[in-house]
Structure formats: structure tokens, C-alpha cells
Amino acid sequence: MKVLEQRIQAEGNILSDRVLKVDSFLNHQVDTQLALDIGQEFARLFAHEQITKVLTIEASGIQFAMATGIALKVPFVYAKKKKAITQGDRVYAASVHSFTRGETYQVSIVQDYLQPGERVLIVDDFLATGAALVGLADIVQQAGAHLVGVGCVIEKTFQEGRGLLEERQIPVQSLARISVMSPGHVEFIEEQPLLPATLKA
């Protein structure tokens, strides 16, 4: 998405070669039209996958998962970082380490909201270390559901996240792929489109 790359260049705050803040338009204050456009793009990229549910983790992925669910006309569900007493004991859970917060937490989803056989698309705001996405993939596996792929709004290609997902043979699509960044400078590389399963070698 060229418009997304342009917004990152114009409004992104690059604090170092690993830390990018986009909180003026993506994950603190949200440009709602851009979020809806992102959902439409994920729906287009994964249109062939017969998705039945979109999955994310609180909090910064919620708006993009909801937008994608709207575009696909399916529900979305988000993993909670702190278990509420209302959740009960019937949950799927995984440990996730947060790079930005420097802490490890247990994420969970009530089992009723992720059923065996569902076709799940994971959506999140960033792909960097991949820890959150691997945790969500583990939850999908626990549920006996099928993970069709991962959609990320922004990917830092110089970190290990994509490699961890590809080791598990999880298809990944990112809308803005950053190859290099430093304060005042950012470079992008193009994502290669996924082929429908019927066209893969």
C-alpha cells in the first residue's frame, strides 16, 4: 500500500534503527478510513482462503482485525493479555514476550470463540520479532483450527519475525515492508503476492 508507506514517511517517528512510532495515525490515534482501507486490502489478499474468523491480540491489532472482519463479513476475536475472572477455565493460552514493553505475558482466548475446523486469518499491526504472532499461531493449533495466513500492517524485514513464521510454513503478507530505518530515513521493499493454494507448485 503506497498510501501507507507515504504516511509512514510523513508521520512516522523513527526513534532508532529498530523502533518506529506510528501512534499519530495507526495505533494510538487511528485514521479510521486508513484502517478500513487496510482491512479491505487484507480481505483482497486472502480472498481465496474462505476465512471464517479473524484473530488478533490486544490492543493495537484490534482496529485492523475489525476492519478485515468487516471486509470479509466474518467475526473477529482478540486474545486478551490478562485473563479476566469472567473467562473461566476453558481457554486457549500461550506465552508471549513483548519487545516494546520488555515483558512476557500470557494471552488467552475463550474456547467458545475459536472452534475446531475454522479457517483463521491472523492480523496485527507490526511484524518484528514475531513473538505475538507465534503465540497466536499456537492458540490456533490448540483449537484445532486451520491458520490460512498472517497479515501485518508494517513489517521490519531486518528482524526475525517472518523467518519464524515461514519455518512453520505460515503464509505472510505485509502491507509496508521496511528494509532499513534510522531517524529521518526509511526504505521499503515490495511484498511478493501470495498465490492461491490451487496455483502453488
Foldseek 3Di string as FASTA:
>chain_A
DVVLVVLCLVPWFFPFFADIDPCVDQFPNHPLVVLLVLLLVVCVLCVLQPAAEEEEEDDRFVSNRVSVCVNVVHYYDYWYQDDDPVLPDQWQWDWFADPVVRGITITIDHLVVQAAAGEYEYEGAEFAQQRRVVGVVVSNVVRNYHYQAYEYAEYAVVHCNVVVCVVVVHHYDYNWYWDTDGGSDTDTDDDDGDDPPVPDD
